[in-house]
């Protein structure tokens, strides 16, 4: 290699290293006041999040758990006819989850500021 080729490669490597370090310096400088940015974003978007969670997320969870509860009750009936045993634990857990998701919109927003 000639001396000029070595200089070009060296210059290119220097530029590449310098440019790759630039985002790290910008990120370190930008992390100064993240807490206030997150708090400000939450306060401005809170009403939208509450509306979406109350009107979309909880009803979807309610429907899924209700269908799962009825399927599990049907399976319990078939299991009882086949083996003569009742297993109430899964039904109780699903029913508890259903009660939680049905009543959660009334109190969840007093827990989450």
Protein backbone atom coordinates (compact mmCIF):
# COMPACT_ATOMS: atom_id res chain seq x y z
CA UNK A 1 0.00 0.00 0.00
CA UNK A 2 1.09 3.48 -0.72
CA UNK A 3 1.29 6.17 1.89
CA UNK A 4 -1.71 8.07 0.44
CA UNK A 5 -3.91 4.98 0.59
CA UNK A 6 -2.99 4.47 4.25
CA UNK A 7 -3.91 8.08 4.99
CA UNK A 8 -7.29 7.70 3.27
CA UNK A 9 -8.08 4.53 5.19
CA UNK A 10 -6.94 6.14 8.44
CA UNK A 11 -9.08 9.23 7.78
CA UNK A 12 -12.11 7.09 6.93
CA UNK A 13 -11.66 5.04 10.12
CA UNK A 14 -11.34 8.21 12.20
CA UNK A 15 -14.50 9.67 10.72
CA UNK A 16 -16.40 6.40 11.24
CA UNK A 17 -15.36 6.14 14.90
CA UNK A 18 -16.16 9.81 15.53
CA UNK A 19 -19.61 9.55 13.95
CA UNK A 20 -20.43 6.34 15.79
CA UNK A 21 -19.61 7.99 19.13
CA UNK A 22 -21.80 11.02 18.37
CA UNK A 23 -25.17 9.39 19.21
CA UNK A 24 -23.81 8.22 22.56
CA UNK A 25 -22.81 11.75 23.48
CA UNK A 26 -26.20 13.12 22.41
CA UNK A 27 -28.05 10.43 24.39
CA UNK A 28 -26.00 11.11 27.51
CA UNK A 29 -26.76 14.81 27.21
CA UNK A 30 -30.50 14.29 26.57
CA UNK A 31 -31.16 12.10 29.63
CA UNK A 32 -31.10 15.05 32.01
CA UNK A 33 -34.79 15.54 32.75
CA UNK A 34 -36.58 12.35 31.72
CA UNK A 35 -38.75 12.16 34.84
CA UNK A 36 -40.46 15.46 34.16
CA UNK A 37 -40.92 14.53 30.49
CA UNK A 38 -42.60 11.24 31.41
CA UNK A 39 -44.77 12.93 34.06
CA UNK A 40 -45.82 15.64 31.62
CA UNK A 41 -46.66 13.11 28.95
CA UNK A 42 -48.70 10.99 31.38
CA UNK A 43 -50.65 14.01 32.65
CA UNK A 44 -51.55 15.11 29.14
CA UNK A 45 -52.45 11.61 27.90
CA UNK A 46 -54.09 10.26 31.09
CA UNK A 47 -57.68 11.00 30.07
CA UNK A 48 -57.22 9.24 26.72
CA UNK A 49 -55.60 6.22 28.36
CA UNK A 50 -58.40 6.00 30.95
CA UNK A 51 -61.06 6.16 28.24
CA UNK A 52 -59.41 3.48 26.09
CA UNK A 53 -58.75 1.13 29.00
CA UNK A 54 -62.25 1.54 30.44
CA UNK A 55 -64.09 1.25 27.11
CA UNK A 56 -61.90 -1.23 25.20
CA UNK A 57 -59.42 -3.21 27.30
CA UNK A 58 -61.61 -4.16 30.26
CA UNK A 59 -64.63 -5.17 28.13
CA UNK A 60 -62.41 -7.37 25.94
CA UNK A 61 -60.96 -9.03 29.04
CA UNK A 62 -64.49 -9.48 30.43
CA UNK A 63 -65.69 -11.23 27.29
CA UNK A 64 -62.63 -13.49 27.12
CA UNK A 65 -62.96 -14.48 30.78
CA UNK A 66 -66.73 -15.01 30.51
CA UNK A 67 -66.33 -17.30 27.49
CA UNK A 68 -63.50 -19.13 29.23
CA UNK A 69 -65.65 -19.53 32.35
CA UNK A 70 -68.55 -21.06 30.41
CA UNK A 71 -66.20 -23.39 28.51
CA UNK A 72 -64.61 -24.47 31.78
CA UNK A 73 -68.05 -25.07 33.36
CA UNK A 74 -69.01 -27.19 30.34
CA UNK A 75 -65.77 -29.12 30.70
CA UNK A 76 -66.46 -29.57 34.41
CA UNK A 77 -69.85 -31.10 33.60
CA UNK A 78 -68.33 -33.49 31.07
CA UNK A 79 -65.53 -34.41 33.48
CA UNK A 80 -68.08 -35.09 36.22
CA UNK A 81 -70.09 -37.36 33.93
CA UNK A 82 -66.97 -39.22 32.84
CA UNK A 83 -65.06 -39.59 36.13
CA UNK A 84 -67.47 -38.50 38.84
CA UNK A 85 -65.06 -35.81 40.14
CA UNK A 86 -65.43 -32.06 40.42
CA UNK A 87 -62.45 -29.73 40.14
CA UNK A 88 -63.58 -26.27 41.26
CA UNK A 89 -60.20 -24.52 41.50
CA UNK A 90 -59.85 -23.42 37.83
CA UNK A 91 -63.45 -22.18 37.78
CA UNK A 92 -62.93 -20.24 41.01
CA UNK A 93 -59.77 -18.62 39.64
CA UNK A 94 -61.44 -17.63 36.37
CA UNK A 95 -64.49 -16.33 38.24
CA UNK A 96 -62.27 -14.27 40.55
CA UNK A 97 -60.47 -12.80 37.54
CA UNK A 98 -63.82 -12.00 35.93
CA UNK A 99 -65.03 -10.23 39.08
CA UNK A 100 -61.76 -8.28 39.22
CA UNK A 101 -62.01 -7.09 35.61
CA UNK A 102 -65.70 -6.25 35.99
CA UNK A 103 -65.13 -4.07 39.05
CA UNK A 104 -61.65 -2.71 38.26
CA UNK A 105 -62.76 0.40 36.31
CA UNK A 106 -64.47 1.66 39.49
CA UNK A 107 -61.32 1.82 41.59
CA UNK A 108 -58.22 1.26 39.45
CA UNK A 109 -57.79 4.96 38.61
CA UNK A 110 -57.70 5.92 42.28
CA UNK A 111 -54.75 3.53 42.73
CA UNK A 112 -52.86 4.68 39.62
CA UNK A 113 -52.21 8.43 39.92
